[in-house]
Each structure stands twice: as structure tokens, then as C-alpha cells.
Amino acid sequence: MATEDPSPPLPPAPRKRPATVARQISDVMDLPFTLVACIAIGGGLGYYLDARFHTSPIFTLILGLLGFAAGMIQLVRRLSKDTKDDGAA
């Protein structure tokens, strides 16, 4: 004898609305500023340290490269978050 499950079926999960065009454009326009700001902050701090300690531009190069790496990591994080929010991959 088969017994039926008396619980009602679960309602379907609500679908997320896709991002509006204005939201997508603002996100895309923000990405270059994020990268440039990270490089500028790292390079500026390195320049200050070079001037303070009277060294060749070693701090500027090192901190500028670290700023570039931080900017790239931030870009990848934001782009991967955007693709997860859109429901793709």
C-alpha cells in the first residue's frame, strides 16, 4: 500500500530580476576608476616613502605594482560577483 505525502508542494523560488541597463553601465564605468585609484594610491604612497627616505624609486615601483595587483584582484571579485548575480555560470 502506497502512502502519499500530505505536505503541500513547495512554491517555486522567486527569480531575480536582471540588472537594469543603467545599473550595468554604471558598474562598467566604475571598473577603470577602481583600477586607477589602486595604482595611484600605491604609487603615491611609494613616492612619499622615496622622498622621505631619499631612496631611488624602489618604493614607488614596488607599491605601484602592489596597487596594480590589488586593483586586478578587486576587478576580478566584482566581475565574478556580477556574473553570479546575473545567474550565469
C-alpha atoms as a PDB file:
ATOM      1  CA  MET A   1       0.000   0.000   0.000  1.00  0.00           C
ATOM      2  CA  ALA A   2       1.478   3.347  -1.055  1.00  0.00           C
ATOM      3  CA  THR A   3       1.146   6.347   1.166  1.00  0.00           C
ATOM      4  CA  GLU A   4       1.064   9.844  -0.176  1.00  0.00           C
ATOM      5  CA  ASP A   5       2.948  12.719   1.364  1.00  0.00           C
ATOM      6  CA  PRO A   6       0.323  15.080   2.805  1.00  0.00           C
ATOM      7  CA  SER A   7       2.618  18.166   2.703  1.00  0.00           C
ATOM      8  CA  PRO A   8       1.805  20.717   0.007  1.00  0.00           C
ATOM      9  CA  PRO A   9       4.326  21.209  -2.804  1.00  0.00           C
ATOM     10  CA  LEU A  10       6.906  23.959  -2.332  1.00  0.00           C
ATOM     11  CA  PRO A  11       6.353  27.133  -4.335  1.00  0.00           C
ATOM     12  CA  PRO A  12       8.970  27.879  -6.986  1.00  0.00           C
ATOM     13  CA  ALA A  13      11.839  30.106  -5.925  1.00  0.00           C
ATOM     14  CA  PRO A  14      11.397  33.724  -6.980  1.00  0.00           C
ATOM     15  CA  ARG A  15      13.522  34.680  -9.955  1.00  0.00           C
ATOM     16  CA  LYS A  16      15.910  37.567  -9.651  1.00  0.00           C
ATOM     17  CA  ARG A  17      15.287  40.426 -11.988  1.00  0.00           C
ATOM     18  CA  PRO A  18      18.151  41.118 -14.373  1.00  0.00           C
ATOM     19  CA  ALA A  19      20.094  44.269 -13.703  1.00  0.00           C
ATOM     20  CA  THR A  20      18.813  47.315 -15.487  1.00  0.00           C
ATOM     21  CA  VAL A  21      20.827  48.841 -18.299  1.00  0.00           C
ATOM     22  CA  ALA A  22      21.646  51.923 -16.227  1.00  0.00           C
ATOM     23  CA  ARG A  23      22.963  49.717 -13.410  1.00  0.00           C
ATOM     24  CA  GLN A  24      25.116  47.716 -15.818  1.00  0.00           C
ATOM     25  CA  ILE A  25      26.547  50.866 -17.394  1.00  0.00           C
ATOM     26  CA  SER A  26      27.370  52.378 -14.012  1.00  0.00           C
ATOM     27  CA  ASP A  27      29.131  49.182 -12.949  1.00  0.00           C
ATOM     28  CA  VAL A  28      31.194  49.088 -16.135  1.00  0.00           C
ATOM     29  CA  MET A  29      32.111  52.774 -15.873  1.00  0.00           C
ATOM     30  CA  ASP A  30      33.252  52.285 -12.276  1.00  0.00           C
ATOM     31  CA  LEU A  31      35.740  49.491 -13.009  1.00  0.00           C
ATOM     32  CA  PRO A  32      38.533  51.578 -14.629  1.00  0.00           C
ATOM     33  CA  PHE A  33      38.406  54.109 -11.800  1.00  0.00           C
ATOM     34  CA  THR A  34      38.851  51.312  -9.287  1.00  0.00           C
ATOM     35  CA  LEU A  35      41.991  50.069 -11.020  1.00  0.00           C
ATOM     36  CA  VAL A  36      43.471  53.552 -11.490  1.00  0.00           C
ATOM     37  CA  ALA A  37      42.729  54.518  -7.887  1.00  0.00           C
ATOM     38  CA  CYS A  38      44.526  51.441  -6.524  1.00  0.00           C
ATOM     39  CA  ILE A  39      47.598  52.148  -8.656  1.00  0.00           C
ATOM     40  CA  ALA A  40      47.584  55.853  -7.783  1.00  0.00           C
ATOM     41  CA  ILE A  41      47.306  55.205  -4.048  1.00  0.00           C
ATOM     42  CA  GLY A  42      50.089  52.615  -4.099  1.00  0.00           C
ATOM     43  CA  GLY A  43      52.348  54.722  -6.322  1.00  0.00           C
ATOM     44  CA  GLY A  44      51.655  57.879  -4.331  1.00  0.00           C
ATOM     45  CA  LEU A  45      52.491  56.185  -1.068  1.00  0.00           C
ATOM     46  CA  GLY A  46      55.665  54.784  -2.625  1.00  0.00           C
ATOM     47  CA  TYR A  47      56.622  58.213  -3.938  1.00  0.00           C
ATOM     48  CA  TYR A  48      56.135  59.679  -0.476  1.00  0.00           C
ATOM     49  CA  LEU A  49      58.305  56.962   1.082  1.00  0.00           C
ATOM     50  CA  ASP A  50      61.008  57.507  -1.548  1.00  0.00           C
ATOM     51  CA  ALA A  51      61.048  61.231  -0.815  1.00  0.00           C
ATOM     52  CA  ARG A  52      61.046  60.634   2.930  1.00  0.00           C
ATOM     53  CA  PHE A  53      63.914  58.112   2.950  1.00  0.00           C
ATOM     54  CA  HIS A  54      65.853  59.594  -0.021  1.00  0.00           C
ATOM     55  CA  THR A  55      65.849  56.364  -1.974  1.00  0.00           C
ATOM     56  CA  SER A  56      65.679  55.688  -5.669  1.00  0.00           C
ATOM     57  CA  PRO A  57      62.161  54.983  -6.964  1.00  0.00           C
ATOM     58  CA  ILE A  58      62.169  51.489  -5.475  1.00  0.00           C
ATOM     59  CA  PHE A  59      59.195  52.100  -3.157  1.00  0.00           C
ATOM     60  CA  THR A  60      57.245  53.744  -5.968  1.00  0.00           C
ATOM     61  CA  LEU A  61      57.758  50.718  -8.206  1.00  0.00           C
ATOM     62  CA  ILE A  62      57.035  48.130  -5.541  1.00  0.00           C
ATOM     63  CA  LEU A  63      53.940  49.813  -4.128  1.00  0.00           C
ATOM     64  CA  GLY A  64      52.724  50.739  -7.610  1.00  0.00           C
ATOM     65  CA  LEU A  65      52.913  47.068  -8.619  1.00  0.00           C
ATOM     66  CA  LEU A  66      51.178  46.042  -5.403  1.00  0.00           C
ATOM     67  CA  GLY A  67      48.477  48.617  -6.137  1.00  0.00           C
ATOM     68  CA  PHE A  68      48.086  47.158  -9.627  1.00  0.00           C
ATOM     69  CA  ALA A  69      47.742  43.652  -8.182  1.00  0.00           C
ATOM     70  CA  ALA A  70      45.197  44.857  -5.624  1.00  0.00           C
ATOM     71  CA  GLY A  71      43.244  46.613  -8.371  1.00  0.00           C
ATOM     72  CA  MET A  72      43.181  43.484 -10.525  1.00  0.00           C
ATOM     73  CA  ILE A  73      42.009  41.371  -7.582  1.00  0.00           C
ATOM     74  CA  GLN A  74      39.238  43.874  -6.909  1.00  0.00           C
ATOM     75  CA  LEU A  75      38.194  43.826 -10.582  1.00  0.00           C
ATOM     76  CA  VAL A  76      38.038  40.034 -10.644  1.00  0.00           C
ATOM     77  CA  ARG A  77      35.988  39.979  -7.433  1.00  0.00           C
ATOM     78  CA  ARG A  78      33.484  42.490  -8.747  1.00  0.00           C
ATOM     79  CA  LEU A  79      33.168  40.832 -12.134  1.00  0.00           C
ATOM     80  CA  SER A  80      32.718  37.375 -10.612  1.00  0.00           C
ATOM     81  CA  LYS A  81      30.091  38.765  -8.225  1.00  0.00           C
ATOM     82  CA  ASP A  82      28.243  40.328 -11.163  1.00  0.00           C
ATOM     83  CA  THR A  83      28.162  37.059 -13.096  1.00  0.00           C
ATOM     84  CA  LYS A  84      26.844  35.189 -10.043  1.00  0.00           C
ATOM     85  CA  ASP A  85      24.125  37.808  -9.570  1.00  0.00           C
ATOM     86  CA  ASP A  86      23.035  37.503 -13.198  1.00  0.00           C
ATOM     87  CA  GLY A  87      22.527  33.745 -12.827  1.00  0.00           C
ATOM     88  CA  ALA A  88      25.178  32.782 -15.366  1.00  0.00           C
ATOM     89  CA  ALA A  89      27.826  30.155 -14.582  1.00  0.00           C
END
